[in-house]
N, C-alpha and C. Protein backbone atom coordinates (compact mmCIF):
# COMPACT_ATOMS: atom_id res chain seq x y z
N MET A 1 -28.30 49.28 -28.21
CA MET A 1 -26.98 48.75 -28.44
C MET A 1 -25.98 49.91 -28.39
N ILE A 2 -24.92 49.72 -27.64
CA ILE A 2 -23.83 50.69 -27.57
C ILE A 2 -22.61 50.04 -28.20
N GLU A 3 -22.00 50.74 -29.13
CA GLU A 3 -20.80 50.21 -29.77
C GLU A 3 -19.70 51.25 -29.71
N PHE A 4 -18.48 50.78 -29.51
CA PHE A 4 -17.31 51.64 -29.53
C PHE A 4 -16.38 51.16 -30.62
N LYS A 5 -15.74 52.11 -31.27
CA LYS A 5 -14.76 51.80 -32.30
C LYS A 5 -13.41 52.32 -31.80
N PRO A 6 -12.41 51.45 -31.65
CA PRO A 6 -11.10 51.93 -31.20
C PRO A 6 -10.56 52.99 -32.15
N ILE A 7 -9.89 53.98 -31.58
CA ILE A 7 -9.25 55.02 -32.39
C ILE A 7 -7.74 54.81 -32.48
N GLY A 8 -7.24 53.81 -31.77
CA GLY A 8 -5.81 53.55 -31.79
C GLY A 8 -5.45 52.40 -30.88
N ILE A 9 -4.15 52.17 -30.75
CA ILE A 9 -3.61 51.08 -29.94
C ILE A 9 -2.49 51.64 -29.06
N ILE A 10 -2.47 51.21 -27.80
CA ILE A 10 -1.40 51.59 -26.87
C ILE A 10 -0.28 50.57 -26.96
N HIS A 11 0.95 51.07 -27.05
CA HIS A 11 2.13 50.20 -27.04
C HIS A 11 2.92 50.51 -25.77
N SER A 12 3.20 49.47 -25.00
CA SER A 12 3.92 49.63 -23.74
C SER A 12 4.86 48.45 -23.56
N PRO A 13 5.74 48.51 -22.57
CA PRO A 13 6.63 47.38 -22.31
C PRO A 13 5.95 46.22 -21.57
N PHE A 14 4.65 46.32 -21.31
CA PHE A 14 3.97 45.32 -20.48
C PHE A 14 3.17 44.33 -21.34
N ALA A 15 3.77 43.18 -21.62
CA ALA A 15 3.10 42.15 -22.41
C ALA A 15 2.17 41.30 -21.55
N ASP A 16 2.39 41.32 -20.25
CA ASP A 16 1.61 40.50 -19.32
C ASP A 16 1.16 41.38 -18.16
N PRO A 17 -0.07 41.21 -17.67
CA PRO A 17 -0.54 42.04 -16.56
C PRO A 17 0.26 41.85 -15.26
N HIS A 18 0.93 40.73 -15.12
CA HIS A 18 1.70 40.47 -13.89
C HIS A 18 3.17 40.60 -14.21
N PRO A 19 3.95 41.44 -13.64
CA PRO A 19 3.73 42.39 -12.55
C PRO A 19 3.68 43.84 -13.04
N MET A 20 2.69 44.22 -13.74
CA MET A 20 2.51 45.55 -14.27
C MET A 20 2.14 46.53 -13.14
N PRO A 21 2.58 47.81 -13.22
CA PRO A 21 2.13 48.80 -12.22
C PRO A 21 0.60 48.91 -12.28
N ILE A 22 -0.01 49.25 -11.15
CA ILE A 22 -1.48 49.31 -11.12
C ILE A 22 -2.03 50.70 -11.34
N GLN A 23 -1.19 51.72 -11.34
CA GLN A 23 -1.60 53.10 -11.60
C GLN A 23 -0.40 53.84 -12.19
N PRO A 24 -0.62 54.96 -12.89
CA PRO A 24 0.50 55.71 -13.46
C PRO A 24 1.55 56.14 -12.43
N THR A 25 1.17 56.38 -11.18
CA THR A 25 2.16 56.77 -10.17
C THR A 25 3.15 55.65 -9.90
N GLY A 26 2.80 54.42 -10.22
CA GLY A 26 3.72 53.30 -10.08
C GLY A 26 4.52 53.04 -11.35
N ALA A 27 4.28 53.83 -12.36
CA ALA A 27 4.95 53.65 -13.65
C ALA A 27 5.75 54.89 -14.04
N VAL A 28 6.20 55.65 -13.05
CA VAL A 28 6.93 56.88 -13.33
C VAL A 28 8.13 56.59 -14.23
N GLY A 29 8.20 57.30 -15.34
CA GLY A 29 9.31 57.14 -16.28
C GLY A 29 9.11 56.07 -17.34
N VAL A 30 8.12 55.19 -17.17
CA VAL A 30 7.87 54.12 -18.15
C VAL A 30 7.31 54.76 -19.42
N LYS A 31 8.00 54.52 -20.54
CA LYS A 31 7.60 55.13 -21.81
C LYS A 31 6.76 54.19 -22.65
N GLY A 32 5.90 54.78 -23.44
CA GLY A 32 5.07 54.03 -24.37
C GLY A 32 4.61 54.95 -25.48
N THR A 33 3.79 54.42 -26.35
CA THR A 33 3.23 55.22 -27.43
C THR A 33 1.76 54.88 -27.61
N VAL A 34 1.05 55.82 -28.18
CA VAL A 34 -0.32 55.58 -28.61
C VAL A 34 -0.31 55.76 -30.12
N GLU A 35 -0.57 54.68 -30.82
CA GLU A 35 -0.66 54.72 -32.28
C GLU A 35 -2.11 55.05 -32.62
N VAL A 36 -2.33 56.27 -33.09
CA VAL A 36 -3.68 56.71 -33.45
C VAL A 36 -3.91 56.35 -34.92
N PHE A 37 -5.03 55.70 -35.19
CA PHE A 37 -5.34 55.28 -36.56
C PHE A 37 -5.50 56.50 -37.47
N ALA A 38 -5.12 56.34 -38.73
CA ALA A 38 -5.08 57.43 -39.69
C ALA A 38 -6.40 58.20 -39.79
N ASP A 39 -7.52 57.52 -39.70
CA ASP A 39 -8.82 58.19 -39.79
C ASP A 39 -9.02 59.25 -38.70
N PHE A 40 -8.22 59.20 -37.65
CA PHE A 40 -8.41 60.09 -36.50
C PHE A 40 -7.27 61.10 -36.33
N HIS A 41 -6.30 61.11 -37.23
CA HIS A 41 -5.15 62.02 -37.10
C HIS A 41 -5.57 63.48 -37.02
N GLU A 42 -6.56 63.88 -37.77
CA GLU A 42 -7.01 65.28 -37.76
C GLU A 42 -7.40 65.73 -36.35
N GLY A 43 -7.93 64.84 -35.56
CA GLY A 43 -8.35 65.15 -34.20
C GLY A 43 -7.19 65.41 -33.24
N LEU A 44 -5.96 65.13 -33.67
CA LEU A 44 -4.79 65.35 -32.82
C LEU A 44 -4.28 66.79 -32.88
N ALA A 45 -4.84 67.60 -33.77
CA ALA A 45 -4.41 69.00 -33.88
C ALA A 45 -4.54 69.68 -32.52
N ASP A 46 -3.51 70.39 -32.13
CA ASP A 46 -3.45 71.19 -30.90
C ASP A 46 -3.23 70.38 -29.63
N LEU A 47 -3.23 69.05 -29.71
CA LEU A 47 -3.03 68.24 -28.50
C LEU A 47 -1.61 68.38 -27.94
N GLY A 48 -0.64 68.62 -28.81
CA GLY A 48 0.76 68.72 -28.39
C GLY A 48 1.05 69.82 -27.39
N GLY A 49 0.15 70.77 -27.23
CA GLY A 49 0.35 71.84 -26.26
C GLY A 49 0.04 71.44 -24.82
N PHE A 50 -0.48 70.24 -24.62
CA PHE A 50 -0.83 69.76 -23.28
C PHE A 50 0.27 68.85 -22.73
N SER A 51 0.55 68.96 -21.45
CA SER A 51 1.59 68.13 -20.83
C SER A 51 1.07 66.75 -20.45
N HIS A 52 -0.24 66.63 -20.20
CA HIS A 52 -0.83 65.37 -19.77
C HIS A 52 -2.14 65.13 -20.53
N ILE A 53 -2.44 63.86 -20.73
CA ILE A 53 -3.69 63.49 -21.39
C ILE A 53 -4.37 62.38 -20.60
N ILE A 54 -5.66 62.28 -20.79
CA ILE A 54 -6.45 61.20 -20.21
C ILE A 54 -6.71 60.19 -21.32
N LEU A 55 -6.31 58.95 -21.10
CA LEU A 55 -6.58 57.88 -22.05
C LEU A 55 -7.73 57.04 -21.51
N LEU A 56 -8.74 56.84 -22.34
CA LEU A 56 -9.84 55.92 -22.04
C LEU A 56 -9.63 54.73 -22.95
N TYR A 57 -9.66 53.54 -22.37
CA TYR A 57 -9.31 52.35 -23.15
C TYR A 57 -10.13 51.15 -22.73
N PHE A 58 -10.06 50.12 -23.55
CA PHE A 58 -10.81 48.89 -23.34
C PHE A 58 -9.89 47.85 -22.72
N PHE A 59 -10.27 47.33 -21.55
CA PHE A 59 -9.51 46.24 -20.91
C PHE A 59 -9.73 44.97 -21.74
N HIS A 60 -9.00 44.84 -22.82
CA HIS A 60 -9.24 43.79 -23.82
C HIS A 60 -8.95 42.38 -23.33
N ARG A 61 -8.21 42.23 -22.25
CA ARG A 61 -7.93 40.87 -21.74
C ARG A 61 -8.69 40.56 -20.45
N SER A 62 -9.55 41.47 -20.05
CA SER A 62 -10.35 41.25 -18.86
C SER A 62 -11.57 40.41 -19.23
N GLN A 63 -11.88 39.45 -18.38
CA GLN A 63 -13.04 38.59 -18.62
C GLN A 63 -13.89 38.51 -17.37
N GLY A 64 -15.18 38.66 -17.55
CA GLY A 64 -16.11 38.53 -16.43
C GLY A 64 -16.03 39.72 -15.50
N CYS A 65 -16.82 39.64 -14.46
CA CYS A 65 -16.85 40.72 -13.48
C CYS A 65 -17.48 40.21 -12.20
N LYS A 66 -16.99 40.72 -11.08
CA LYS A 66 -17.58 40.45 -9.78
C LYS A 66 -17.88 41.80 -9.15
N LEU A 67 -18.99 41.93 -8.49
CA LEU A 67 -19.38 43.20 -7.91
C LEU A 67 -18.72 43.48 -6.57
N THR A 68 -18.07 42.45 -6.00
CA THR A 68 -17.26 42.61 -4.80
C THR A 68 -15.88 42.05 -5.10
N VAL A 69 -14.84 42.85 -4.85
CA VAL A 69 -13.47 42.43 -5.13
C VAL A 69 -12.57 42.80 -3.97
N VAL A 70 -11.42 42.13 -3.88
CA VAL A 70 -10.37 42.53 -2.95
C VAL A 70 -9.35 43.29 -3.80
N PRO A 71 -9.31 44.62 -3.68
CA PRO A 71 -8.43 45.41 -4.53
C PRO A 71 -6.95 45.25 -4.18
N PHE A 72 -6.10 45.63 -5.11
CA PHE A 72 -4.65 45.53 -4.91
C PHE A 72 -4.18 46.32 -3.70
N MET A 73 -4.86 47.41 -3.39
CA MET A 73 -4.42 48.29 -2.31
C MET A 73 -5.03 47.94 -0.96
N ASP A 74 -5.66 46.76 -0.84
CA ASP A 74 -6.36 46.43 0.39
C ASP A 74 -6.44 44.92 0.55
N SER A 75 -6.85 44.49 1.71
CA SER A 75 -7.07 43.06 1.95
C SER A 75 -8.53 42.77 2.27
N GLU A 76 -9.34 43.81 2.25
CA GLU A 76 -10.77 43.67 2.55
C GLU A 76 -11.59 43.68 1.26
N PRO A 77 -12.66 42.90 1.21
CA PRO A 77 -13.57 42.97 0.05
C PRO A 77 -14.21 44.34 -0.04
N ARG A 78 -14.29 44.87 -1.26
CA ARG A 78 -14.87 46.19 -1.50
C ARG A 78 -15.84 46.11 -2.67
N GLY A 79 -16.79 47.02 -2.72
CA GLY A 79 -17.68 47.11 -3.86
C GLY A 79 -16.88 47.50 -5.10
N LEU A 80 -17.14 46.83 -6.20
CA LEU A 80 -16.39 47.06 -7.44
C LEU A 80 -16.29 48.53 -7.81
N PHE A 81 -17.39 49.26 -7.67
CA PHE A 81 -17.40 50.64 -8.12
C PHE A 81 -16.64 51.58 -7.18
N ALA A 82 -16.14 51.07 -6.06
CA ALA A 82 -15.27 51.83 -5.16
C ALA A 82 -13.82 51.44 -5.39
N THR A 83 -13.54 50.77 -6.52
CA THR A 83 -12.18 50.34 -6.86
C THR A 83 -11.88 50.68 -8.32
N ARG A 84 -10.64 50.42 -8.70
CA ARG A 84 -10.22 50.58 -10.09
C ARG A 84 -9.95 49.22 -10.72
N ALA A 85 -10.50 48.17 -10.17
CA ALA A 85 -10.29 46.81 -10.70
C ALA A 85 -10.72 46.74 -12.17
N PRO A 86 -9.95 46.03 -13.00
CA PRO A 86 -10.26 45.98 -14.44
C PRO A 86 -11.42 45.07 -14.84
N LYS A 87 -11.80 44.14 -14.01
CA LYS A 87 -12.93 43.27 -14.34
C LYS A 87 -14.22 43.99 -13.97
N ARG A 88 -14.88 44.57 -14.97
CA ARG A 88 -16.01 45.44 -14.75
C ARG A 88 -17.14 45.07 -15.71
N PRO A 89 -18.38 45.49 -15.43
CA PRO A 89 -19.46 45.21 -16.37
C PRO A 89 -19.16 45.77 -17.76
N ASN A 90 -18.56 46.95 -17.81
CA ASN A 90 -18.08 47.55 -19.05
C ASN A 90 -16.59 47.82 -18.83
N PRO A 91 -15.72 46.95 -19.32
CA PRO A 91 -14.29 47.02 -18.96
C PRO A 91 -13.56 48.20 -19.62
N ILE A 92 -13.82 49.39 -19.08
CA ILE A 92 -13.21 50.61 -19.58
C ILE A 92 -12.19 51.09 -18.56
N GLY A 93 -10.98 51.37 -19.04
CA GLY A 93 -9.91 51.87 -18.18
C GLY A 93 -9.66 53.35 -18.43
N LEU A 94 -9.01 53.98 -17.47
CA LEU A 94 -8.68 55.39 -17.53
C LEU A 94 -7.31 55.59 -16.93
N SER A 95 -6.44 56.30 -17.63
CA SER A 95 -5.13 56.66 -17.09
C SER A 95 -4.79 58.08 -17.50
N VAL A 96 -4.20 58.83 -16.57
CA VAL A 96 -3.65 60.14 -16.88
C VAL A 96 -2.15 59.93 -17.08
N VAL A 97 -1.68 60.21 -18.30
CA VAL A 97 -0.27 59.99 -18.63
C VAL A 97 0.35 61.30 -19.11
N GLN A 98 1.67 61.36 -19.04
CA GLN A 98 2.38 62.54 -19.53
C GLN A 98 2.54 62.42 -21.03
N LEU A 99 2.27 63.50 -21.73
CA LEU A 99 2.43 63.55 -23.18
C LEU A 99 3.74 64.25 -23.50
N ASP A 100 4.67 63.52 -24.11
CA ASP A 100 5.96 64.10 -24.47
C ASP A 100 5.90 64.81 -25.82
N ARG A 101 5.26 64.16 -26.81
CA ARG A 101 5.13 64.79 -28.12
C ARG A 101 4.12 64.04 -28.98
N VAL A 102 3.62 64.76 -29.98
CA VAL A 102 2.71 64.21 -30.98
C VAL A 102 3.44 64.28 -32.30
N GLU A 103 3.53 63.14 -33.00
CA GLU A 103 4.32 63.10 -34.23
C GLU A 103 3.75 62.08 -35.20
N ASP A 104 3.25 62.54 -36.33
CA ASP A 104 2.74 61.65 -37.38
C ASP A 104 1.73 60.63 -36.86
N GLY A 105 0.78 61.07 -36.07
CA GLY A 105 -0.25 60.17 -35.57
C GLY A 105 0.18 59.29 -34.41
N MET A 106 1.37 59.54 -33.88
CA MET A 106 1.89 58.77 -32.75
C MET A 106 2.05 59.70 -31.56
N LEU A 107 1.50 59.29 -30.42
CA LEU A 107 1.67 60.03 -29.18
C LEU A 107 2.76 59.35 -28.38
N ASN A 108 3.80 60.07 -28.05
CA ASN A 108 4.85 59.54 -27.18
C ASN A 108 4.49 59.94 -25.76
N ILE A 109 4.30 58.92 -24.92
CA ILE A 109 3.79 59.15 -23.57
C ILE A 109 4.71 58.56 -22.52
N ARG A 110 4.52 58.99 -21.30
CA ARG A 110 5.29 58.51 -20.16
C ARG A 110 4.37 58.22 -18.98
N ASN A 111 4.86 57.41 -18.06
CA ASN A 111 4.12 56.99 -16.86
C ASN A 111 2.97 56.07 -17.26
N VAL A 112 3.31 55.11 -18.11
CA VAL A 112 2.33 54.19 -18.70
C VAL A 112 2.14 52.96 -17.81
N ASP A 113 0.90 52.72 -17.43
CA ASP A 113 0.53 51.57 -16.59
C ASP A 113 -0.45 50.67 -17.35
N ILE A 114 -0.32 50.61 -18.67
CA ILE A 114 -1.32 49.97 -19.53
C ILE A 114 -0.68 48.82 -20.30
N LEU A 115 -1.43 47.76 -20.44
CA LEU A 115 -0.98 46.56 -21.15
C LEU A 115 -0.74 46.84 -22.63
N ASP A 116 0.33 46.30 -23.18
CA ASP A 116 0.64 46.45 -24.59
C ASP A 116 -0.50 45.90 -25.45
N GLY A 117 -0.84 46.62 -26.50
CA GLY A 117 -1.90 46.18 -27.41
C GLY A 117 -3.30 46.60 -27.01
N THR A 118 -3.41 47.40 -25.96
CA THR A 118 -4.73 47.82 -25.47
C THR A 118 -5.38 48.81 -26.45
N PRO A 119 -6.62 48.56 -26.84
CA PRO A 119 -7.34 49.49 -27.73
C PRO A 119 -7.72 50.80 -27.03
N VAL A 120 -7.47 51.92 -27.70
CA VAL A 120 -7.81 53.24 -27.17
C VAL A 120 -9.21 53.60 -27.66
N LEU A 121 -10.05 54.04 -26.72
CA LEU A 121 -11.41 54.48 -27.07
C LEU A 121 -11.51 55.98 -27.23
N ASP A 122 -10.72 56.74 -26.44
CA ASP A 122 -10.78 58.19 -26.52
C ASP A 122 -9.53 58.79 -25.87
N ILE A 123 -9.24 60.01 -26.25
CA ILE A 123 -8.13 60.78 -25.71
C ILE A 123 -8.69 62.16 -25.36
N LYS A 124 -8.37 62.62 -24.15
CA LYS A 124 -8.82 63.94 -23.72
C LYS A 124 -7.65 64.66 -23.07
N PRO A 125 -7.58 65.99 -23.21
CA PRO A 125 -6.52 66.71 -22.50
C PRO A 125 -6.81 66.74 -21.01
N TYR A 126 -5.77 66.61 -20.21
CA TYR A 126 -5.92 66.78 -18.76
C TYR A 126 -5.82 68.27 -18.47
N VAL A 127 -6.83 68.81 -17.81
CA VAL A 127 -6.89 70.24 -17.50
C VAL A 127 -7.13 70.36 -15.99
N PRO A 128 -6.11 70.76 -15.22
CA PRO A 128 -6.28 70.82 -13.77
C PRO A 128 -7.51 71.60 -13.32
N ALA A 129 -7.83 72.69 -13.98
CA ALA A 129 -9.00 73.48 -13.57
C ALA A 129 -10.30 72.70 -13.72
N PHE A 130 -10.32 71.72 -14.62
CA PHE A 130 -11.51 70.88 -14.83
C PHE A 130 -11.44 69.59 -14.03
N ASP A 131 -10.25 69.02 -13.93
CA ASP A 131 -10.08 67.64 -13.49
C ASP A 131 -9.53 67.47 -12.08
N HIS A 132 -9.27 68.55 -11.37
CA HIS A 132 -8.68 68.45 -10.04
C HIS A 132 -9.50 69.26 -9.04
N PRO A 133 -10.58 68.66 -8.51
CA PRO A 133 -11.40 69.39 -7.53
C PRO A 133 -10.63 69.63 -6.23
N ASP A 134 -11.06 70.62 -5.48
CA ASP A 134 -10.37 70.98 -4.25
C ASP A 134 -10.75 70.11 -3.05
N ASP A 135 -12.03 69.82 -2.89
CA ASP A 135 -12.52 69.11 -1.72
C ASP A 135 -12.66 67.62 -2.04
N ILE A 136 -11.63 66.83 -1.76
CA ILE A 136 -11.59 65.43 -2.18
C ILE A 136 -11.58 64.50 -0.96
N ARG A 137 -12.39 63.44 -1.03
CA ARG A 137 -12.36 62.34 -0.06
C ARG A 137 -12.00 61.09 -0.84
N THR A 138 -11.21 60.21 -0.28
CA THR A 138 -10.81 59.00 -0.99
C THR A 138 -11.24 57.72 -0.29
N GLY A 139 -12.26 57.81 0.53
CA GLY A 139 -12.86 56.61 1.12
C GLY A 139 -11.86 55.67 1.75
N TRP A 140 -12.03 54.37 1.47
CA TRP A 140 -11.18 53.34 2.07
C TRP A 140 -9.71 53.47 1.65
N LEU A 141 -9.41 54.22 0.60
CA LEU A 141 -8.03 54.40 0.14
C LEU A 141 -7.28 55.48 0.90
N GLU A 142 -7.92 56.14 1.83
CA GLU A 142 -7.33 57.28 2.54
C GLU A 142 -5.90 57.01 3.03
N GLY A 143 -5.63 55.86 3.58
CA GLY A 143 -4.29 55.57 4.10
C GLY A 143 -3.38 54.84 3.14
N ALA A 144 -3.85 54.52 1.97
CA ALA A 144 -3.08 53.68 1.05
C ALA A 144 -2.27 54.44 0.01
N HIS A 145 -2.45 55.73 -0.13
CA HIS A 145 -1.81 56.50 -1.20
C HIS A 145 -0.29 56.41 -1.19
N LYS A 146 0.30 56.25 -0.03
CA LYS A 146 1.76 56.23 0.06
C LYS A 146 2.37 54.99 -0.57
N THR A 147 1.60 53.92 -0.71
CA THR A 147 2.18 52.67 -1.22
C THR A 147 1.79 52.34 -2.65
N VAL A 148 0.96 53.15 -3.30
CA VAL A 148 0.49 52.80 -4.64
C VAL A 148 1.63 52.68 -5.65
N ALA A 149 2.67 53.48 -5.51
CA ALA A 149 3.79 53.42 -6.46
C ALA A 149 4.52 52.09 -6.41
N GLN A 150 4.48 51.40 -5.28
CA GLN A 150 5.18 50.13 -5.15
C GLN A 150 4.31 48.92 -5.54
N LYS A 151 3.01 49.11 -5.67
CA LYS A 151 2.11 47.99 -5.96
C LYS A 151 2.21 47.56 -7.42
N ARG A 152 2.12 46.26 -7.64
CA ARG A 152 2.12 45.69 -8.97
C ARG A 152 0.96 44.72 -9.08
N SER A 153 0.52 44.52 -10.29
CA SER A 153 -0.56 43.57 -10.53
C SER A 153 -0.08 42.18 -10.14
N ASP A 154 -0.95 41.43 -9.49
CA ASP A 154 -0.59 40.07 -9.12
C ASP A 154 -1.33 39.05 -10.00
N GLY A 155 -1.99 39.54 -11.03
CA GLY A 155 -2.65 38.65 -11.97
C GLY A 155 -4.05 38.25 -11.60
N ARG A 156 -4.54 38.65 -10.44
CA ARG A 156 -5.87 38.18 -10.00
C ARG A 156 -7.00 38.72 -10.87
N PHE A 157 -6.76 39.79 -11.63
CA PHE A 157 -7.82 40.37 -12.44
C PHE A 157 -7.63 40.08 -13.93
N LYS A 158 -6.91 39.04 -14.26
CA LYS A 158 -6.69 38.70 -15.68
C LYS A 158 -7.99 38.40 -16.37
């Protein structure tokens, strides 16, 4: 048995997945907060020195999963694990967001593409030397990067 205990809640302007941005690059400037539960405040020490953080969270409104999906950035069916679709066997999301400040257990963040009320599972600092490899291939997404900022959720993965 694997169990996760949320460490906080994400607050964003997105009460409904439709028409929410599908990635942080489509949410440039969108502000939100991460309310970290009191039991975990000690773990926030030194986080304020980082400009970006990685949020791992639970897709709490996602139900079911299909192993082949038509992703937002394509019209062709793709294997689930070659996409960022939220309906997954283990509905865990990941976003790299800008950290503006840490204050009294609250993280003020920007470039938020996450549904309001989403439970946070973990927070990690974004470190380019660790998280940005040099030799990258992006498979079927190779030609789609230019349009990701304009894409919005159409509700198909509710």
